[in-house]
Amino acid sequence: MSSPRSLHRAALALALASPALVATLAAGPSRADRPSAPVASSTPKCPAGTTYKAESRRCEDKDGCPPGQSYSRTYQECRCPAAKPVQSGDQCDACPAGFVWDAMNEDCACPPSRPVQNGDKCEACPAPRAWSASRWECACPAWAPLDTGGRCGPCPAGRVWSETREECACPPARPLEQGGRCEPCPAGLVWNEMRVECICPRDRPVMGDGGRCEPCKDGRTWSEDLATCTCPRAKPQDVDGKCVACAGGTTWNADIAECVCPPGKPGKMNGVCVPCPAGWNGPERRCECPAETPVWNGTACVPKMPAARPPPR
């Protein structure tokens, strides 16, 4: 057995003979022999309630919405919450400071207390004006509605402000302007603000030959849209000045003001609605032969006959 002294000498000799070997032994195992470090996962960590979708390469909830958004059944799309309503792709942000969300226009807007936007700031209307949502501007107040040269002033004596016409007009008691003066409507007539004239009242809407207002006759009722007396629903057709009912199974079509046959019986025979014969169709409320056999020969629909050729010379 070798003595400790001899072993020490052998090691010393080995070190002197091969310095590279000593360095290798001191460095420990080679890189190839070391265990490899764990590879980081490429799938990002999603917030609670969402999962990563490889197709879209983003985190989504069960409805396909990104984190922070929820699916709206009304709009049929992903929407941002009320606290952060501004949507920019997957991001949801709040309105800038001083602005509020306008749900109708889906945009950040100035609040009613400071409705005028001046750059990136919201300011109040200059006194005495107030914000008018219908006109979308700072408007003069009711006690000084007339805007003259940028100033608010009252209407002239004897006039009142008309919101419909947006001007100083005659008052309801004397609505008719004649020669610069306000006069009441003639006896029996009433003022119509939309038409800006005196007209007959609703219960006597027809102006007769003698200048007097008369009611509709023959069971007719007044139509504001048509400005005339119209036949009642039970007898909607006007024939020679008389109201008559639709006949032969027809029904009244108000859009074309005509009695028409129903879709199941679009053809008329001796004034009665009937189904179209076999092979026919019924567009535009009548029966006709189909395109492939367009000619009626008195018995059936047949193809169109070619034009006759001239006799040879």
C-alpha atoms as a PDB file:
ATOM      1  CA  MET A   1       0.000   0.000   0.000  1.00  0.00           C
ATOM      2  CA  SER A   2       1.262   3.456  -0.920  1.00  0.00           C
ATOM      3  CA  SER A   3       1.973   5.875   1.857  1.00  0.00           C
ATOM      4  CA  PRO A   4       0.181   9.255   2.071  1.00  0.00           C
ATOM      5  CA  ARG A   5       3.435  10.950   1.237  1.00  0.00           C
ATOM      6  CA  SER A   6       3.798   8.985  -1.985  1.00  0.00           C
ATOM      7  CA  LEU A   7       0.221   9.794  -3.020  1.00  0.00           C
ATOM      8  CA  HIS A   8       0.847  13.472  -2.485  1.00  0.00           C
ATOM      9  CA  ARG A   9       3.918  13.349  -4.634  1.00  0.00           C
ATOM     10  CA  ALA A  10       2.031  11.577  -7.402  1.00  0.00           C
ATOM     11  CA  ALA A  11      -0.711  14.198  -7.410  1.00  0.00           C
ATOM     12  CA  LEU A  12       1.833  16.988  -7.467  1.00  0.00           C
ATOM     13  CA  ALA A  13       3.600  15.400 -10.403  1.00  0.00           C
ATOM     14  CA  LEU A  14       0.326  15.011 -12.271  1.00  0.00           C
ATOM     15  CA  ALA A  15      -0.498  18.669 -11.737  1.00  0.00           C
ATOM     16  CA  LEU A  16       2.870  19.815 -13.008  1.00  0.00           C
ATOM     17  CA  ALA A  17       2.593  17.529 -16.014  1.00  0.00           C
ATOM     18  CA  SER A  18      -0.981  18.622 -17.100  1.00  0.00           C
ATOM     19  CA  PRO A  19      -2.181  22.093 -15.964  1.00  0.00           C
ATOM     20  CA  ALA A  20      -5.167  21.879 -18.359  1.00  0.00           C
ATOM     21  CA  LEU A  21      -6.399  18.783 -16.629  1.00  0.00           C
ATOM     22  CA  VAL A  22      -6.284  20.459 -13.264  1.00  0.00           C
ATOM     23  CA  ALA A  23      -8.304  23.410 -14.614  1.00  0.00           C
ATOM     24  CA  THR A  24     -10.884  21.049 -16.050  1.00  0.00           C
ATOM     25  CA  LEU A  25     -11.259  19.196 -12.782  1.00  0.00           C
ATOM     26  CA  ALA A  26     -11.595  22.456 -10.865  1.00  0.00           C
ATOM     27  CA  ALA A  27     -14.298  23.759 -13.225  1.00  0.00           C
ATOM     28  CA  GLY A  28     -16.558  20.816 -12.500  1.00  0.00           C
ATOM     29  CA  PRO A  29     -18.785  19.050 -15.041  1.00  0.00           C
ATOM     30  CA  SER A  30     -18.906  20.383 -18.626  1.00  0.00           C
ATOM     31  CA  ARG A  31     -21.896  22.372 -19.954  1.00  0.00           C
ATOM     32  CA  ALA A  32     -22.955  19.422 -22.062  1.00  0.00           C
ATOM     33  CA  ASP A  33     -23.101  17.266 -18.923  1.00  0.00           C
ATOM     34  CA  ARG A  34     -25.166  19.777 -16.921  1.00  0.00           C
ATOM     35  CA  PRO A  35     -28.979  19.385 -16.786  1.00  0.00           C
ATOM     36  CA  SER A  36     -30.792  21.848 -19.099  1.00  0.00           C
ATOM     37  CA  ALA A  37     -32.832  24.713 -17.565  1.00  0.00           C
ATOM     38  CA  PRO A  38     -36.628  24.475 -17.895  1.00  0.00           C
ATOM     39  CA  VAL A  39     -38.054  26.233 -21.040  1.00  0.00           C
ATOM     40  CA  ALA A  40     -40.500  29.078 -20.294  1.00  0.00           C
ATOM     41  CA  SER A  41     -44.043  28.500 -21.607  1.00  0.00           C
ATOM     42  CA  SER A  42     -45.081  30.636 -24.646  1.00  0.00           C
ATOM     43  CA  THR A  43     -48.723  30.793 -23.477  1.00  0.00           C
ATOM     44  CA  PRO A  44     -49.366  34.011 -21.517  1.00  0.00           C
ATOM     45  CA  LYS A  45     -51.084  33.960 -18.154  1.00  0.00           C
ATOM     46  CA  CYS A  46     -54.698  35.158 -18.594  1.00  0.00           C
ATOM     47  CA  PRO A  47     -56.806  37.021 -16.007  1.00  0.00           C
ATOM     48  CA  ALA A  48     -59.380  35.084 -14.027  1.00  0.00           C
ATOM     49  CA  GLY A  49     -62.412  34.094 -16.080  1.00  0.00           C
ATOM     50  CA  THR A  50     -60.541  34.154 -19.422  1.00  0.00           C
ATOM     51  CA  THR A  51     -58.490  31.626 -21.367  1.00  0.00           C
ATOM     52  CA  TYR A  52     -55.867  31.990 -24.069  1.00  0.00           C
ATOM     53  CA  LYS A  53     -57.141  31.395 -27.617  1.00  0.00           C
ATOM     54  CA  ALA A  54     -54.501  30.361 -30.140  1.00  0.00           C
ATOM     55  CA  GLU A  55     -56.712  31.457 -33.056  1.00  0.00           C
ATOM     56  CA  SER A  56     -56.872  35.111 -31.957  1.00  0.00           C
ATOM     57  CA  ARG A  57     -53.616  34.995 -29.890  1.00  0.00           C
ATOM     58  CA  ARG A  58     -55.257  36.696 -26.953  1.00  0.00           C
ATOM     59  CA  CYS A  59     -57.091  36.016 -23.722  1.00  0.00           C
ATOM     60  CA  GLU A  60     -60.883  35.747 -24.126  1.00  0.00           C
ATOM     61  CA  ASP A  61     -63.892  34.887 -22.001  1.00  0.00           C
ATOM     62  CA  LYS A  62     -66.613  32.392 -22.919  1.00  0.00           C
ATOM     63  CA  ASP A  63     -68.227  34.920 -25.300  1.00  0.00           C
ATOM     64  CA  GLY A  64     -64.958  35.670 -27.085  1.00  0.00           C
ATOM     65  CA  CYS A  65     -64.496  39.073 -25.414  1.00  0.00           C
ATOM     66  CA  PRO A  66     -61.081  40.317 -24.251  1.00  0.00           C
ATOM     67  CA  PRO A  67     -60.456  40.980 -20.528  1.00  0.00           C
ATOM     68  CA  GLY A  68     -62.414  43.967 -19.226  1.00  0.00           C
ATOM     69  CA  GLN A  69     -65.147  43.741 -21.886  1.00  0.00           C
ATOM     70  CA  SER A  70     -68.467  41.895 -21.882  1.00  0.00           C
ATOM     71  CA  TYR A  71     -70.783  40.754 -24.656  1.00  0.00           C
ATOM     72  CA  SER A  72     -73.821  42.965 -25.339  1.00  0.00           C
ATOM     73  CA  ARG A  73     -76.904  41.127 -26.603  1.00  0.00           C
ATOM     74  CA  THR A  74     -78.350  44.474 -27.710  1.00  0.00           C
ATOM     75  CA  TYR A  75     -75.400  45.515 -29.870  1.00  0.00           C
ATOM     76  CA  GLN A  76     -74.275  41.949 -30.684  1.00  0.00           C
ATOM     77  CA  GLU A  77     -70.657  42.784 -29.880  1.00  0.00           C
ATOM     78  CA  CYS A  78     -68.132  43.082 -27.051  1.00  0.00           C
ATOM     79  CA  ARG A  79     -68.517  46.372 -25.149  1.00  0.00           C
ATOM     80  CA  CYS A  80     -66.512  48.268 -22.554  1.00  0.00           C
ATOM     81  CA  PRO A  81     -67.942  48.906 -19.058  1.00  0.00           C
ATOM     82  CA  ALA A  82     -69.525  52.213 -18.055  1.00  0.00           C
ATOM     83  CA  ALA A  83     -66.495  53.188 -15.963  1.00  0.00           C
ATOM     84  CA  LYS A  84     -64.204  52.886 -19.011  1.00  0.00           C
ATOM     85  CA  PRO A  85     -66.483  53.319 -22.029  1.00  0.00           C
ATOM     86  CA  VAL A  86     -63.934  54.358 -24.679  1.00  0.00           C
ATOM     87  CA  GLN A  87     -63.127  51.276 -26.757  1.00  0.00           C
ATOM     88  CA  SER A  88     -59.929  51.060 -28.784  1.00  0.00           C
ATOM     89  CA  GLY A  89     -59.451  47.503 -29.981  1.00  0.00           C
ATOM     90  CA  ASP A  90     -59.040  45.351 -26.865  1.00  0.00           C
ATOM     91  CA  GLN A  91     -58.410  48.372 -24.645  1.00  0.00           C
ATOM     92  CA  CYS A  92     -61.023  50.169 -22.539  1.00  0.00           C
ATOM     93  CA  ASP A  93     -60.285  53.690 -21.290  1.00  0.00           C
ATOM     94  CA  ALA A  94     -62.115  56.374 -19.351  1.00  0.00           C
ATOM     95  CA  CYS A  95     -63.086  59.719 -20.893  1.00  0.00           C
ATOM     96  CA  PRO A  96     -60.516  62.504 -20.490  1.00  0.00           C
ATOM     97  CA  ALA A  97     -60.777  64.594 -17.348  1.00  0.00           C
ATOM     98  CA  GLY A  98     -63.752  66.942 -17.510  1.00  0.00           C
ATOM     99  CA  PHE A  99     -65.590  64.940 -20.188  1.00  0.00           C
ATOM    100  CA  VAL A 100     -68.486  62.469 -19.806  1.00  0.00           C
ATOM    101  CA  TRP A 101     -69.679  59.602 -21.981  1.00  0.00           C
ATOM    102  CA  ASP A 102     -72.442  60.382 -24.486  1.00  0.00           C
ATOM    103  CA  ALA A 103     -74.160  57.008 -25.028  1.00  0.00           C
ATOM    104  CA  MET A 104     -76.296  58.277 -27.927  1.00  0.00           C
ATOM    105  CA  ASN A 105     -73.336  59.455 -30.009  1.00  0.00           C
ATOM    106  CA  GLU A 106     -70.935  56.922 -28.433  1.00  0.00           C
ATOM    107  CA  ASP A 107     -68.304  59.532 -27.756  1.00  0.00           C
ATOM    108  CA  CYS A 108     -66.846  61.578 -24.919  1.00  0.00           C
ATOM    109  CA  ALA A 109     -68.605  64.950 -24.663  1.00  0.00           C
ATOM    110  CA  CYS A 110     -68.772  67.967 -22.408  1.00  0.00           C
ATOM    111  CA  PRO A 111     -71.255  67.738 -19.485  1.00  0.00           C
ATOM    112  CA  PRO A 112     -74.453  69.874 -19.411  1.00  0.00           C
ATOM    113  CA  SER A 113     -72.934  72.168 -16.759  1.00  0.00           C
ATOM    114  CA  ARG A 114     -69.991  72.974 -19.087  1.00  0.00           C
ATOM    115  CA  PRO A 115     -71.341  72.173 -22.555  1.00  0.00           C
ATOM    116  CA  VAL A 116     -68.999  74.249 -24.740  1.00  0.00           C
ATOM    117  CA  GLN A 117     -65.865  72.451 -25.907  1.00  0.00           C
ATOM    118  CA  ASN A 118     -62.856  74.719 -26.290  1.00  0.00           C
ATOM    119  CA  GLY A 119     -59.941  72.552 -27.379  1.00  0.00           C
ATOM    120  CA  ASP A 120     -59.415  69.942 -24.688  1.00  0.00           C
ATOM    121  CA  LYS A 121     -61.470  71.857 -22.108  1.00  0.00           C
ATOM    122  CA  CYS A 122     -65.176  72.178 -21.369  1.00  0.00           C
ATOM    123  CA  GLU A 123     -66.575  75.606 -20.535  1.00  0.00           C
ATOM    124  CA  ALA A 124     -69.929  76.986 -19.404  1.00  0.00           C
ATOM    125  CA  CYS A 125     -72.202  79.046 -21.661  1.00  0.00           C
ATOM    126  CA  PRO A 126     -71.565  82.789 -21.377  1.00  0.00           C
ATOM    127  CA  ALA A 127     -74.203  84.525 -19.255  1.00  0.00           C
ATOM    128  CA  PRO A 128     -77.129  84.820 -19.716  1.00  0.00           C
ATOM    129  CA  ARG A 129     -77.173  82.037 -22.281  1.00  0.00           C
ATOM    130  CA  ALA A 130     -77.953  78.409 -21.434  1.00  0.00           C
ATOM    131  CA  TRP A 131     -77.355  75.224 -23.328  1.00  0.00           C
ATOM    132  CA  SER A 132     -80.140  74.136 -25.728  1.00  0.00           C
ATOM    133  CA  ALA A 133     -79.994  70.392 -26.459  1.00  0.00           C
ATOM    134  CA  SER A 134     -82.459  70.718 -29.365  1.00  0.00           C
ATOM    135  CA  ARG A 135     -80.450  73.460 -31.083  1.00  0.00           C
ATOM    136  CA  TRP A 136     -77.080  72.159 -29.864  1.00  0.00           C
ATOM    137  CA  GLU A 137     -75.858  75.607 -28.921  1.00  0.00           C
ATOM    138  CA  CYS A 138     -75.795  78.183 -26.150  1.00  0.00           C
ATOM    139  CA  ALA A 139     -79.179  79.899 -26.578  1.00  0.00           C
ATOM    140  CA  CYS A 140     -80.718  83.016 -25.119  1.00  0.00           C
ATOM    141  CA  PRO A 141     -83.022  82.502 -22.089  1.00  0.00           C
ATOM    142  CA  ALA A 142     -86.820  82.590 -22.260  1.00  0.00           C
ATOM    143  CA  TRP A 143     -87.007  86.064 -20.723  1.00  0.00           C
ATOM    144  CA  ALA A 144     -84.641  87.461 -23.379  1.00  0.00           C
ATOM    145  CA  PRO A 145     -84.959  85.088 -26.331  1.00  0.00           C
ATOM    146  CA  LEU A 146     -84.136  87.439 -29.196  1.00  0.00           C
ATOM    147  CA  ASP A 147     -80.523  87.200 -30.376  1.00  0.00           C
ATOM    148  CA  THR A 148     -79.455  90.486 -31.934  1.00  0.00           C
ATOM    149  CA  GLY A 149     -75.792  90.952 -32.786  1.00  0.00           C
ATOM    150  CA  GLY A 150     -74.681  88.380 -30.211  1.00  0.00           C
ATOM    151  CA  ARG A 151     -76.771  89.910 -27.425  1.00  0.00           C
ATOM    152  CA  CYS A 152     -79.917  88.515 -25.827  1.00  0.00           C
ATOM    153  CA  GLY A 153     -82.946  90.753 -25.609  1.00  0.00           C
ATOM    154  CA  PRO A 154     -86.717  90.558 -25.068  1.00  0.00           C
ATOM    155  CA  CYS A 155     -89.280  90.295 -27.868  1.00  0.00           C
ATOM    156  CA  PRO A 156     -90.900  93.538 -29.024  1.00  0.00           C
ATOM    157  CA  ALA A 157     -94.018  94.637 -27.183  1.00  0.00           C
ATOM    158  CA  GLY A 158     -97.016  92.438 -27.974  1.00  0.00           C
ATOM    159  CA  ARG A 159     -94.891  89.525 -29.302  1.00  0.00           C
ATOM    160  CA  VAL A 160     -93.848  86.247 -27.686  1.00  0.00           C
ATOM    161  CA  TRP A 161     -91.147  83.753 -28.537  1.00  0.00           C
ATOM    162  CA  SER A 162     -92.224  80.797 -30.748  1.00  0.00           C
ATOM    163  CA  GLU A 163     -90.093  77.699 -30.185  1.00  0.00           C
ATOM    164  CA  THR A 164     -91.528  76.119 -33.342  1.00  0.00           C
ATOM    165  CA  ARG A 165     -90.601  79.023 -35.598  1.00  0.00           C
ATOM    166  CA  GLU A 166     -87.635  80.220 -33.495  1.00  0.00           C
ATOM    167  CA  GLU A 167     -88.705  83.840 -33.725  1.00  0.00           C
ATOM    168  CA  CYS A 168     -90.772  86.474 -31.945  1.00  0.00           C
ATOM    169  CA  ALA A 169     -94.373  85.946 -33.088  1.00  0.00           C
ATOM    170  CA  CYS A 170     -97.889  87.050 -32.260  1.00  0.00           C
ATOM    171  CA  PRO A 171     -99.354  85.572 -29.046  1.00  0.00           C
ATOM    172  CA  PRO A 172    -101.869  82.656 -29.134  1.00  0.00           C
ATOM    173  CA  ALA A 173    -104.809  84.976 -28.367  1.00  0.00           C
ATOM    174  CA  ARG A 174    -103.978  87.141 -31.431  1.00  0.00           C
ATOM    175  CA  PRO A 175    -101.897  84.823 -33.624  1.00  0.00           C
ATOM    176  CA  LEU A 176    -102.644  86.311 -37.049  1.00  0.00           C
ATOM    177  CA  GLU A 177    -100.251  88.989 -38.256  1.00  0.00           C
ATOM    178  CA  GLN A 178    -101.830  91.548 -40.556  1.00  0.00           C
ATOM    179  CA  GLY A 179    -100.142  94.783 -41.512  1.00  0.00           C
ATOM    180  CA  GLY A 180     -97.625  94.509 -38.681  1.00  0.00           C
ATOM    181  CA  ARG A 181    -100.367  94.009 -36.094  1.00  0.00           C
ATOM    182  CA  CYS A 182    -101.485  90.886 -34.245  1.00  0.00           C
ATOM    183  CA  GLU A 183    -105.134  89.970 -34.789  1.00  0.00           C
ATOM    184  CA  PRO A 184    -107.315  87.063 -33.606  1.00  0.00           C
ATOM    185  CA  CYS A 185    -108.426  84.350 -36.037  1.00  0.00           C
ATOM    186  CA  PRO A 186    -111.774  85.019 -37.784  1.00  0.00           C
ATOM    187  CA  ALA A 187    -114.840  83.663 -36.011  1.00  0.00           C
ATOM    188  CA  GLY A 188    -115.053  79.869 -36.140  1.00  0.00           C
ATOM    189  CA  LEU A 189    -111.367  79.348 -37.052  1.00  0.00           C
ATOM    190  CA  VAL A 190    -108.486  78.240 -34.840  1.00  0.00           C
ATOM    191  CA  TRP A 191    -104.728  78.820 -35.101  1.00  0.00           C
ATOM    192  CA  ASN A 192    -102.485  76.038 -36.409  1.00  0.00           C
ATOM    193  CA  GLU A 193     -98.884  76.656 -35.338  1.00  0.00           C
ATOM    194  CA  MET A 194     -97.406  74.070 -37.720  1.00  0.00           C
ATOM    195  CA  ARG A 195     -99.203  75.470 -40.780  1.00  0.00           C
ATOM    196  CA  VAL A 196     -98.918  79.071 -39.488  1.00  0.00           C
ATOM    197  CA  GLU A 197    -102.503  79.899 -40.417  1.00  0.00           C
ATOM    198  CA  CYS A 198    -106.054  79.979 -39.116  1.00  0.00           C
ATOM    199  CA  ILE A 199    -107.947  76.777 -40.007  1.00  0.00           C
ATOM    200  CA  CYS A 200    -111.278  75.101 -39.258  1.00  0.00           C
ATOM    201  CA  PRO A 201    -111.486  73.172 -35.954  1.00  0.00           C
ATOM    202  CA  ARG A 202    -111.199  69.384 -35.834  1.00  0.00           C
ATOM    203  CA  ASP A 203    -114.941  68.771 -35.349  1.00  0.00           C
ATOM    204  CA  ARG A 204    -115.775  70.993 -38.367  1.00  0.00           C
ATOM    205  CA  PRO A 205    -112.667  70.661 -40.530  1.00  0.00           C
ATOM    206  CA  VAL A 206    -114.113  71.459 -43.976  1.00  0.00           C
ATOM    207  CA  MET A 207    -114.307  75.001 -45.286  1.00  0.00           C
ATOM    208  CA  GLY A 208    -117.657  75.251 -47.058  1.00  0.00           C
ATOM    209  CA  ASP A 209    -118.575  77.415 -50.019  1.00  0.00           C
ATOM    210  CA  GLY A 210    -120.024  80.094 -47.761  1.00  0.00           C
ATOM    211  CA  GLY A 211    -116.790  80.445 -45.789  1.00  0.00           C
ATOM    212  CA  ARG A 212    -118.172  78.461 -42.872  1.00  0.00           C
ATOM    213  CA  CYS A 213    -116.584  75.401 -41.245  1.00  0.00           C
ATOM    214  CA  GLU A 214    -118.560  72.186 -41.748  1.00  0.00           C
ATOM    215  CA  PRO A 215    -118.144  68.594 -40.502  1.00  0.00           C
ATOM    216  CA  CYS A 216    -117.155  65.688 -42.773  1.00  0.00           C
ATOM    217  CA  LYS A 217    -120.166  64.049 -44.421  1.00  0.00           C
ATOM    218  CA  ASP A 218    -121.237  60.565 -45.530  1.00  0.00           C
ATOM    219  CA  GLY A 219    -119.522  58.918 -42.538  1.00  0.00           C
ATOM    220  CA  ARG A 220    -116.113  60.286 -43.512  1.00  0.00           C
ATOM    221  CA  THR A 221    -113.417  61.294 -41.016  1.00  0.00           C
ATOM    222  CA  TRP A 222    -110.769  63.981 -41.235  1.00  0.00           C
ATOM    223  CA  SER A 223    -107.203  62.986 -42.160  1.00  0.00           C
ATOM    224  CA  GLU A 224    -104.511  65.392 -40.958  1.00  0.00           C
ATOM    225  CA  ASP A 225    -101.948  63.846 -43.307  1.00  0.00           C
ATOM    226  CA  LEU A 226    -104.121  64.199 -46.398  1.00  0.00           C
ATOM    227  CA  ALA A 227    -105.878  67.367 -45.200  1.00  0.00           C
ATOM    228  CA  THR A 228    -109.220  66.027 -46.422  1.00  0.00           C
ATOM    229  CA  CYS A 229    -112.186  63.916 -45.350  1.00  0.00           C
ATOM    230  CA  THR A 230    -111.589  60.208 -45.999  1.00  0.00           C
ATOM    231  CA  CYS A 231    -113.864  57.181 -46.125  1.00  0.00           C
ATOM    232  CA  PRO A 232    -114.140  54.995 -42.988  1.00  0.00           C
ATOM    233  CA  ARG A 233    -112.368  51.643 -42.647  1.00  0.00           C
ATOM    234  CA  ALA A 234    -115.574  49.675 -43.249  1.00  0.00           C
ATOM    235  CA  LYS A 235    -116.149  51.479 -46.563  1.00  0.00           C
ATOM    236  CA  PRO A 236    -112.711  52.694 -47.596  1.00  0.00           C
ATOM    237  CA  GLN A 237    -113.190  53.065 -51.364  1.00  0.00           C
ATOM    238  CA  ASP A 238    -114.379  56.351 -52.869  1.00  0.00           C
ATOM    239  CA  VAL A 239    -116.503  55.623 -55.944  1.00  0.00           C
ATOM    240  CA  ASP A 240    -118.152  58.598 -57.605  1.00  0.00           C
ATOM    241  CA  GLY A 241    -118.133  60.551 -54.337  1.00  0.00           C
ATOM    242  CA  LYS A 242    -119.592  57.692 -52.278  1.00  0.00           C
ATOM    243  CA  CYS A 243    -117.851  55.441 -49.750  1.00  0.00           C
ATOM    244  CA  VAL A 244    -118.229  51.744 -50.621  1.00  0.00           C
ATOM    245  CA  ALA A 245    -116.802  48.547 -49.155  1.00  0.00           C
ATOM    246  CA  CYS A 246    -114.180  46.439 -50.937  1.00  0.00           C
ATOM    247  CA  ALA A 247    -115.956  43.677 -52.897  1.00  0.00           C
ATOM    248  CA  GLY A 248    -115.128  40.232 -54.261  1.00  0.00           C
ATOM    249  CA  GLY A 249    -112.878  39.238 -51.363  1.00  0.00           C
ATOM    250  CA  THR A 250    -110.552  42.209 -51.804  1.00  0.00           C
ATOM    251  CA  THR A 251    -109.065  44.186 -48.905  1.00  0.00           C
ATOM    252  CA  TRP A 252    -108.072  47.842 -48.676  1.00  0.00           C
ATOM    253  CA  ASN A 253    -104.426  48.756 -49.260  1.00  0.00           C
ATOM    254  CA  ALA A 254    -103.869  52.240 -47.832  1.00  0.00           C
ATOM    255  CA  ASP A 255    -100.431  52.593 -49.453  1.00  0.00           C
ATOM    256  CA  ILE A 256    -101.877  52.524 -52.970  1.00  0.00           C
ATOM    257  CA  ALA A 257    -105.436  53.564 -52.000  1.00  0.00           C
ATOM    258  CA  GLU A 258    -106.953  50.575 -53.745  1.00  0.00           C
ATOM    259  CA  CYS A 259    -108.871  47.371 -53.000  1.00  0.00           C
ATOM    260  CA  VAL A 260    -106.582  44.417 -53.815  1.00  0.00           C
ATOM    261  CA  CYS A 261    -106.876  40.635 -53.830  1.00  0.00           C
ATOM    262  CA  PRO A 262    -105.068  38.672 -51.088  1.00  0.00           C
ATOM    263  CA  PRO A 263    -101.775  36.866 -51.906  1.00  0.00           C
ATOM    264  CA  GLY A 264    -103.476  33.440 -51.956  1.00  0.00           C
ATOM    265  CA  LYS A 265    -106.028  34.593 -54.546  1.00  0.00           C
ATOM    266  CA  PRO A 266    -104.289  37.245 -56.643  1.00  0.00           C
ATOM    267  CA  GLY A 267    -106.364  36.830 -59.816  1.00  0.00           C
ATOM    268  CA  LYS A 268    -109.745  38.393 -60.583  1.00  0.00           C
ATOM    269  CA  MET A 269    -112.531  36.666 -62.499  1.00  0.00           C
ATOM    270  CA  ASN A 270    -115.871  38.466 -62.905  1.00  0.00           C
ATOM    271  CA  GLY A 271    -114.823  40.803 -60.058  1.00  0.00           C
ATOM    272  CA  VAL A 272    -114.045  37.931 -57.634  1.00  0.00           C
ATOM    273  CA  CYS A 273    -110.579  37.033 -56.295  1.00  0.00           C
ATOM    274  CA  VAL A 274    -109.504  33.536 -57.388  1.00  0.00           C
ATOM    275  CA  PRO A 275    -106.277  31.494 -57.179  1.00  0.00           C
ATOM    276  CA  CYS A 276    -104.068  31.510 -60.261  1.00  0.00           C
ATOM    277  CA  PRO A 277    -104.486  28.447 -62.523  1.00  0.00           C
ATOM    278  CA  ALA A 278    -101.873  25.685 -62.306  1.00  0.00           C
ATOM    279  CA  GLY A 279     -98.556  26.793 -63.762  1.00  0.00           C
ATOM    280  CA  TRP A 280     -99.326  30.480 -63.341  1.00  0.00           C
ATOM    281  CA  ASN A 281     -97.932  32.949 -60.839  1.00  0.00           C
ATOM    282  CA  GLY A 282     -99.340  36.128 -59.364  1.00  0.00           C
ATOM    283  CA  PRO A 283     -96.895  39.053 -59.096  1.00  0.00           C
ATOM    284  CA  GLU A 284     -98.211  42.613 -58.881  1.00  0.00           C
ATOM    285  CA  ARG A 285    -101.696  41.454 -57.838  1.00  0.00           C
ATOM    286  CA  ARG A 286    -102.542  39.611 -61.084  1.00  0.00           C
ATOM    287  CA  CYS A 287    -102.169  36.140 -62.631  1.00  0.00           C
ATOM    288  CA  GLU A 288     -99.805  35.672 -65.535  1.00  0.00           C
ATOM    289  CA  CYS A 289     -97.986  32.848 -67.303  1.00  0.00           C
ATOM    290  CA  PRO A 290     -94.480  31.973 -66.105  1.00  0.00           C
ATOM    291  CA  ALA A 291     -91.375  33.144 -67.997  1.00  0.00           C
ATOM    292  CA  GLU A 292     -90.666  29.772 -69.623  1.00  0.00           C
ATOM    293  CA  THR A 293     -94.212  29.516 -71.108  1.00  0.00           C
ATOM    294  CA  PRO A 294     -95.298  33.165 -71.390  1.00  0.00           C
ATOM    295  CA  VAL A 295     -98.101  32.926 -73.967  1.00  0.00           C
ATOM    296  CA  TRP A 296    -101.728  32.106 -73.092  1.00  0.00           C
ATOM    297  CA  ASN A 297    -103.433  30.321 -76.017  1.00  0.00           C
ATOM    298  CA  GLY A 298    -106.862  30.396 -74.432  1.00  0.00           C
ATOM    299  CA  THR A 299    -106.436  27.036 -72.766  1.00  0.00           C
ATOM    300  CA  ALA A 300    -102.907  26.845 -71.333  1.00  0.00           C
ATOM    301  CA  CYS A 301     -99.571  28.664 -71.079  1.00  0.00           C
ATOM    302  CA  VAL A 302     -97.294  27.785 -74.023  1.00  0.00           C
ATOM    303  CA  PRO A 303     -93.806  28.835 -75.160  1.00  0.00           C
ATOM    304  CA  LYS A 304     -93.487  31.922 -77.298  1.00  0.00           C
ATOM    305  CA  MET A 305     -93.819  31.004 -80.967  1.00  0.00           C
ATOM    306  CA  PRO A 306     -90.944  32.092 -83.254  1.00  0.00           C
ATOM    307  CA  ALA A 307     -91.652  34.841 -85.755  1.00  0.00           C
ATOM    308  CA  ALA A 308     -92.979  33.604 -89.085  1.00  0.00           C
ATOM    309  CA  ARG A 309     -90.431  33.502 -91.872  1.00  0.00           C
ATOM    310  CA  PRO A 310     -91.259  35.230 -95.187  1.00  0.00           C
ATOM    311  CA  PRO A 311     -92.002  32.825 -98.088  1.00  0.00           C
ATOM    312  CA  PRO A 312     -89.069  32.131-100.437  1.00  0.00           C
ATOM    313  CA  ARG A 313     -88.991  34.094-103.680  1.00  0.00           C
END
